[in-house]
Each structure stands twice: as structure tokens, then as C-alpha cells.
């Protein structure tokens, strides 16, 4: 089990190709294309999701404010193997809130993770996560790193999104 924090942003992306080119120019480590199904469960506090992918398979609980721009996320991550059994137990115990289906390209530059996401029913997005796995990176340094990459990729303030994909899908479903 991993307990950690990160500073992250999510932004609408008009052109994933440009982001991909900049990542390649910066010699980012491409980890692969992951088809991810994130099942969000009904919980009293924070968010709980089971991620099923061909690269990443985790049960993740996290607390993060819904705000545009860099924001801190505190999370606990548990690597899963028997996804189907775990999903069935969580479904019976908690109930499913929403399911997010996405294609995700995963890149790293040092301790910064980049996602190029194509989310079914929502569109294309770009995420930056500055990760502090062992609690040694000061928050202001993490925010500065995030700001650096926002400028590098030309992400404008009006492109930033405060909500999670789950919230965005729930709003879309409720609006019909």
C-alpha cells in the first residue's frame, strides 16, 4: 500500500499531438497506452475507484478539492491483482457511482507523470501529476514544477478543469 501526495492539474486538450511532440522533445519516458476502466464507488468521504487497465491496476482512495489549476491530492493506492473479485465485493458493499472508460497514454519525466486521455463521452484531456512518494518534496516546489510544465505546454487558465472525470460524467448523465 502506498500513501502519498501530489500536485496535479487536468485540462481540456485541443490537440493531443502537440502535447505528445513536446513530451518526445523533452525525452519523456513513454510507459505505454493503457485502456483504463475506473469504477467509482459510493463513499461518505473522498473518492474510491478501482482502476482496471493493462498497465495500471489499483484501488485508489483520494481526497482532492474541485478547483481549476494546481491542487493537492492526498491518496492511498493499493495494487490489485484479482480485480474482478474485488470489484464484485465493492459493488455489493458500496454500490457503483459511475464508470469512466478512457484510453490513456502515460509518460514520465523524473517524478512528474503526464497523461494524455481520451475519455469516452467527454473528449480529450491532459493531466500533469507532480508526485511526492516519500514526503521529501516541499509543496511549494511541487507547485512550481507544475507551473513550469503548464507554461511549457501552453496550458491556459481557461483550459483548466476542477472536476474529476467521474464528476463530469455524472453531470452529463444528470443533464440527459
C-alpha atoms as a PDB file:
ATOM      1  CA  UNK A   1       0.000   0.000   0.000  1.00  0.00           C
ATOM      2  CA  UNK A   2       1.295   3.432  -0.944  1.00  0.00           C
ATOM      3  CA  UNK A   3       0.292   6.650   0.821  1.00  0.00           C
ATOM      4  CA  UNK A   4       1.380   9.743  -0.999  1.00  0.00           C
ATOM      5  CA  UNK A   5       0.530  13.202  -2.219  1.00  0.00           C
ATOM      6  CA  UNK A   6       0.776  15.002  -5.489  1.00  0.00           C
ATOM      7  CA  UNK A   7       0.050  18.341  -7.091  1.00  0.00           C
ATOM      8  CA  UNK A   8      -1.976  17.887 -10.227  1.00  0.00           C
ATOM      9  CA  UNK A   9      -3.850  19.655 -12.971  1.00  0.00           C
ATOM     10  CA  UNK A  10      -6.369  18.486 -15.503  1.00  0.00           C
ATOM     11  CA  UNK A  11      -7.007  20.459 -18.676  1.00  0.00           C
ATOM     12  CA  UNK A  12      -9.084  20.168 -21.793  1.00  0.00           C
ATOM     13  CA  UNK A  13      -6.791  19.449 -24.710  1.00  0.00           C
ATOM     14  CA  UNK A  14      -7.442  20.787 -28.182  1.00  0.00           C
ATOM     15  CA  UNK A  15      -4.534  18.866 -29.732  1.00  0.00           C
ATOM     16  CA  UNK A  16      -3.002  15.810 -28.060  1.00  0.00           C
ATOM     17  CA  UNK A  17      -0.497  15.625 -30.941  1.00  0.00           C
ATOM     18  CA  UNK A  18       1.208  18.876 -29.868  1.00  0.00           C
ATOM     19  CA  UNK A  19       1.459  17.710 -26.244  1.00  0.00           C
ATOM     20  CA  UNK A  20       2.883  14.371 -27.436  1.00  0.00           C
ATOM     21  CA  UNK A  21       5.510  16.182 -29.568  1.00  0.00           C
ATOM     22  CA  UNK A  22       6.663  18.322 -26.626  1.00  0.00           C
ATOM     23  CA  UNK A  23       6.921  15.227 -24.410  1.00  0.00           C
ATOM     24  CA  UNK A  24       9.025  13.497 -27.078  1.00  0.00           C
ATOM     25  CA  UNK A  25      11.259  16.588 -27.438  1.00  0.00           C
ATOM     26  CA  UNK A  26      11.809  16.539 -23.657  1.00  0.00           C
ATOM     27  CA  UNK A  27      12.703  12.829 -23.912  1.00  0.00           C
ATOM     28  CA  UNK A  28       9.864  11.781 -21.631  1.00  0.00           C
ATOM     29  CA  UNK A  29       9.758   8.098 -20.744  1.00  0.00           C
ATOM     30  CA  UNK A  30       6.713   6.634 -22.541  1.00  0.00           C
ATOM     31  CA  UNK A  31       5.248   3.861 -20.371  1.00  0.00           C
ATOM     32  CA  UNK A  32       2.522   2.838 -22.778  1.00  0.00           C
ATOM     33  CA  UNK A  33      -1.096   3.144 -23.823  1.00  0.00           C
ATOM     34  CA  UNK A  34      -3.467   1.905 -21.157  1.00  0.00           C
ATOM     35  CA  UNK A  35      -7.180   1.221 -21.703  1.00  0.00           C
ATOM     36  CA  UNK A  36      -8.497   2.017 -18.240  1.00  0.00           C
ATOM     37  CA  UNK A  37     -11.887   1.368 -16.706  1.00  0.00           C
ATOM     38  CA  UNK A  38     -12.256   3.366 -13.486  1.00  0.00           C
ATOM     39  CA  UNK A  39     -15.210   2.240 -11.381  1.00  0.00           C
ATOM     40  CA  UNK A  40     -16.121   4.818  -8.737  1.00  0.00           C
ATOM     41  CA  UNK A  41     -17.923   3.571  -5.649  1.00  0.00           C
ATOM     42  CA  UNK A  42     -20.319   5.390  -3.356  1.00  0.00           C
ATOM     43  CA  UNK A  43     -18.371   6.506  -0.270  1.00  0.00           C
ATOM     44  CA  UNK A  44     -19.010   9.014   2.519  1.00  0.00           C
ATOM     45  CA  UNK A  45     -15.681  10.810   2.180  1.00  0.00           C
ATOM     46  CA  UNK A  46     -13.362  11.471  -0.751  1.00  0.00           C
ATOM     47  CA  UNK A  47     -13.380   9.217  -3.803  1.00  0.00           C
ATOM     48  CA  UNK A  48     -12.790   5.486  -4.111  1.00  0.00           C
ATOM     49  CA  UNK A  49     -12.079   3.974  -7.506  1.00  0.00           C
ATOM     50  CA  UNK A  50     -10.967   0.641  -8.834  1.00  0.00           C
ATOM     51  CA  UNK A  51      -8.739   1.107 -11.880  1.00  0.00           C
ATOM     52  CA  UNK A  52      -8.636  -1.797 -14.314  1.00  0.00           C
ATOM     53  CA  UNK A  53      -6.078  -1.429 -17.076  1.00  0.00           C
ATOM     54  CA  UNK A  54      -3.454  -3.352 -18.963  1.00  0.00           C
ATOM     55  CA  UNK A  55      -0.711  -1.260 -17.258  1.00  0.00           C
ATOM     56  CA  UNK A  56      -2.209   0.165 -14.071  1.00  0.00           C
ATOM     57  CA  UNK A  57      -4.443  -1.868 -11.737  1.00  0.00           C
ATOM     58  CA  UNK A  58      -5.108  -0.195  -8.415  1.00  0.00           C
ATOM     59  CA  UNK A  59      -7.680   0.526  -5.768  1.00  0.00           C
ATOM     60  CA  UNK A  60      -7.317   4.232  -5.030  1.00  0.00           C
ATOM     61  CA  UNK A  61      -8.871   6.376  -2.311  1.00  0.00           C
ATOM     62  CA  UNK A  62      -8.217  10.079  -2.571  1.00  0.00           C
ATOM     63  CA  UNK A  63      -9.238  13.495  -1.327  1.00  0.00           C
ATOM     64  CA  UNK A  64      -8.811  16.446  -3.643  1.00  0.00           C
ATOM     65  CA  UNK A  65     -10.604  19.771  -3.888  1.00  0.00           C
ATOM     66  CA  UNK A  66     -12.631  20.512  -7.022  1.00  0.00           C
ATOM     67  CA  UNK A  67     -10.762  23.553  -8.283  1.00  0.00           C
ATOM     68  CA  UNK A  68      -9.166  24.504 -11.558  1.00  0.00           C
ATOM     69  CA  UNK A  69      -5.395  24.793 -11.561  1.00  0.00           C
ATOM     70  CA  UNK A  70      -2.755  23.064  -9.443  1.00  0.00           C
ATOM     71  CA  UNK A  71      -4.298  21.286  -6.465  1.00  0.00           C
ATOM     72  CA  UNK A  72      -3.047  18.881  -3.834  1.00  0.00           C
ATOM     73  CA  UNK A  73      -4.368  15.333  -3.826  1.00  0.00           C
ATOM     74  CA  UNK A  74      -3.765  13.022  -0.870  1.00  0.00           C
ATOM     75  CA  UNK A  75      -4.206   9.408  -1.815  1.00  0.00           C
ATOM     76  CA  UNK A  76      -3.800   5.810  -0.787  1.00  0.00           C
ATOM     77  CA  UNK A  77      -3.080   3.323  -3.550  1.00  0.00           C
ATOM     78  CA  UNK A  78      -3.317  -0.460  -3.321  1.00  0.00           C
ATOM     79  CA  UNK A  79      -2.076  -2.555  -6.247  1.00  0.00           C
ATOM     80  CA  UNK A  80      -4.666  -5.158  -7.177  1.00  0.00           C
ATOM     81  CA  UNK A  81      -4.450  -8.493  -8.930  1.00  0.00           C
ATOM     82  CA  UNK A  82      -7.893 -10.049  -8.563  1.00  0.00           C
ATOM     83  CA  UNK A  83      -9.796  -7.075  -9.964  1.00  0.00           C
ATOM     84  CA  UNK A  84     -12.993  -8.971 -10.726  1.00  0.00           C
ATOM     85  CA  UNK A  85     -13.393 -10.400  -7.224  1.00  0.00           C
ATOM     86  CA  UNK A  86     -12.562  -7.095  -5.554  1.00  0.00           C
ATOM     87  CA  UNK A  87     -14.901  -5.186  -7.849  1.00  0.00           C
ATOM     88  CA  UNK A  88     -17.748  -7.573  -7.036  1.00  0.00           C
ATOM     89  CA  UNK A  89     -17.241  -7.154  -3.275  1.00  0.00           C
ATOM     90  CA  UNK A  90     -17.055  -3.347  -3.517  1.00  0.00           C
ATOM     91  CA  UNK A  91     -20.104  -3.242  -5.776  1.00  0.00           C
ATOM     92  CA  UNK A  92     -22.153  -5.293  -3.293  1.00  0.00           C
ATOM     93  CA  UNK A  93     -20.931  -3.365  -0.233  1.00  0.00           C
ATOM     94  CA  UNK A  94     -20.915   0.204  -1.541  1.00  0.00           C
ATOM     95  CA  UNK A  95     -22.693   0.409  -4.875  1.00  0.00           C
ATOM     96  CA  UNK A  96     -21.303   1.898  -8.076  1.00  0.00           C
ATOM     97  CA  UNK A  97     -21.430   5.669  -8.506  1.00  0.00           C
ATOM     98  CA  UNK A  98     -20.131   5.923 -12.106  1.00  0.00           C
ATOM     99  CA  UNK A  99     -17.748   4.217 -14.545  1.00  0.00           C
ATOM    100  CA  UNK A 100     -15.119   6.137 -16.536  1.00  0.00           C
ATOM    101  CA  UNK A 101     -13.753   4.488 -19.710  1.00  0.00           C
ATOM    102  CA  UNK A 102     -10.600   6.027 -21.179  1.00  0.00           C
ATOM    103  CA  UNK A 103      -7.558   5.465 -23.330  1.00  0.00           C
ATOM    104  CA  UNK A 104      -4.519   6.869 -21.502  1.00  0.00           C
ATOM    105  CA  UNK A 105      -1.003   7.478 -22.754  1.00  0.00           C
ATOM    106  CA  UNK A 106       1.393   7.506 -19.791  1.00  0.00           C
ATOM    107  CA  UNK A 107       4.686   9.433 -19.746  1.00  0.00           C
ATOM    108  CA  UNK A 108       7.214  10.315 -17.031  1.00  0.00           C
ATOM    109  CA  UNK A 109       9.917  12.931 -16.648  1.00  0.00           C
ATOM    110  CA  UNK A 110      11.617  12.252 -13.297  1.00  0.00           C
ATOM    111  CA  UNK A 111       8.875  12.396 -10.616  1.00  0.00           C
ATOM    112  CA  UNK A 112       6.321  14.031 -12.922  1.00  0.00           C
ATOM    113  CA  UNK A 113       3.671  11.884 -14.602  1.00  0.00           C
ATOM    114  CA  UNK A 114       1.800  13.017 -17.709  1.00  0.00           C
ATOM    115  CA  UNK A 115      -1.471  11.584 -19.021  1.00  0.00           C
ATOM    116  CA  UNK A 116      -2.933  12.117 -22.470  1.00  0.00           C
ATOM    117  CA  UNK A 117      -6.504  10.946 -22.029  1.00  0.00           C
ATOM    118  CA  UNK A 118      -9.308  10.213 -24.464  1.00  0.00           C
ATOM    119  CA  UNK A 119     -12.355   9.807 -22.235  1.00  0.00           C
ATOM    120  CA  UNK A 120     -15.432   8.113 -23.648  1.00  0.00           C
ATOM    121  CA  UNK A 121     -18.326  10.564 -23.643  1.00  0.00           C
ATOM    122  CA  UNK A 122     -16.194  13.572 -22.622  1.00  0.00           C
ATOM    123  CA  UNK A 123     -13.323  14.185 -25.059  1.00  0.00           C
ATOM    124  CA  UNK A 124      -9.547  14.742 -24.876  1.00  0.00           C
ATOM    125  CA  UNK A 125      -7.672  15.851 -21.771  1.00  0.00           C
ATOM    126  CA  UNK A 126      -4.144  16.368 -20.473  1.00  0.00           C
ATOM    127  CA  UNK A 127      -3.048  15.771 -16.885  1.00  0.00           C
ATOM    128  CA  UNK A 128       0.141  16.647 -15.046  1.00  0.00           C
ATOM    129  CA  UNK A 129       0.909  14.993 -11.693  1.00  0.00           C
ATOM    130  CA  UNK A 130       3.936  16.075  -9.666  1.00  0.00           C
ATOM    131  CA  UNK A 131       4.354  13.091  -7.334  1.00  0.00           C
ATOM    132  CA  UNK A 132       5.972  13.002  -3.884  1.00  0.00           C
ATOM    133  CA  UNK A 133       6.050   9.335  -2.890  1.00  0.00           C
ATOM    134  CA  UNK A 134       8.205   9.678   0.222  1.00  0.00           C
ATOM    135  CA  UNK A 135       7.256  13.098   1.625  1.00  0.00           C
ATOM    136  CA  UNK A 136      10.580  14.769   0.813  1.00  0.00           C
ATOM    137  CA  UNK A 137       9.476  17.350  -1.768  1.00  0.00           C
ATOM    138  CA  UNK A 138       8.104  20.610  -0.329  1.00  0.00           C
ATOM    139  CA  UNK A 139       4.612  21.550  -1.571  1.00  0.00           C
ATOM    140  CA  UNK A 140       5.818  24.902  -2.972  1.00  0.00           C
ATOM    141  CA  UNK A 141       8.480  23.092  -5.035  1.00  0.00           C
ATOM    142  CA  UNK A 142       5.832  20.710  -6.365  1.00  0.00           C
ATOM    143  CA  UNK A 143       3.581  23.667  -7.294  1.00  0.00           C
ATOM    144  CA  UNK A 144       6.496  25.424  -9.022  1.00  0.00           C
ATOM    145  CA  UNK A 145       7.205  22.263 -11.049  1.00  0.00           C
ATOM    146  CA  UNK A 146       3.555  22.057 -12.052  1.00  0.00           C
ATOM    147  CA  UNK A 147       3.568  25.751 -13.059  1.00  0.00           C
ATOM    148  CA  UNK A 148       6.709  25.173 -15.155  1.00  0.00           C
ATOM    149  CA  UNK A 149       5.004  22.405 -17.132  1.00  0.00           C
ATOM    150  CA  UNK A 150       1.785  24.413 -17.512  1.00  0.00           C
ATOM    151  CA  UNK A 151       3.833  27.133 -19.242  1.00  0.00           C
ATOM    152  CA  UNK A 152       5.894  24.644 -21.259  1.00  0.00           C
ATOM    153  CA  UNK A 153       2.773  23.021 -22.713  1.00  0.00           C
ATOM    154  CA  UNK A 154       0.959  26.330 -23.206  1.00  0.00           C
ATOM    155  CA  UNK A 155      -1.957  25.342 -20.977  1.00  0.00           C
ATOM    156  CA  UNK A 156      -4.132  28.397 -20.447  1.00  0.00           C
ATOM    157  CA  UNK A 157      -6.201  29.105 -17.360  1.00  0.00           C
ATOM    158  CA  UNK A 158      -9.496  28.711 -19.235  1.00  0.00           C
ATOM    159  CA  UNK A 159      -8.429  25.160 -20.266  1.00  0.00           C
ATOM    160  CA  UNK A 160      -8.043  24.019 -16.642  1.00  0.00           C
ATOM    161  CA  UNK A 161     -10.714  21.766 -15.146  1.00  0.00           C
ATOM    162  CA  UNK A 162     -11.550  21.472 -11.474  1.00  0.00           C
ATOM    163  CA  UNK A 163     -13.727  18.359 -11.548  1.00  0.00           C
ATOM    164  CA  UNK A 164     -12.786  14.730 -11.926  1.00  0.00           C
ATOM    165  CA  UNK A 165     -13.890  12.733 -14.955  1.00  0.00           C
ATOM    166  CA  UNK A 166     -16.380  10.992 -12.660  1.00  0.00           C
ATOM    167  CA  UNK A 167     -17.999  14.319 -11.696  1.00  0.00           C
ATOM    168  CA  UNK A 168     -18.079  15.438 -15.324  1.00  0.00           C
ATOM    169  CA  UNK A 169     -19.775  12.205 -16.412  1.00  0.00           C
ATOM    170  CA  UNK A 170     -22.261  12.374 -13.535  1.00  0.00           C
ATOM    171  CA  UNK A 171     -23.221  15.936 -14.565  1.00  0.00           C
ATOM    172  CA  UNK A 172     -23.627  14.854 -18.167  1.00  0.00           C
ATOM    173  CA  UNK A 173     -25.800  11.894 -17.154  1.00  0.00           C
ATOM    174  CA  UNK A 174     -27.981  14.092 -14.907  1.00  0.00           C
ATOM    175  CA  UNK A 175     -28.456  16.666 -17.670  1.00  0.00           C
ATOM    176  CA  UNK A 176     -29.598  13.890 -20.002  1.00  0.00           C
END
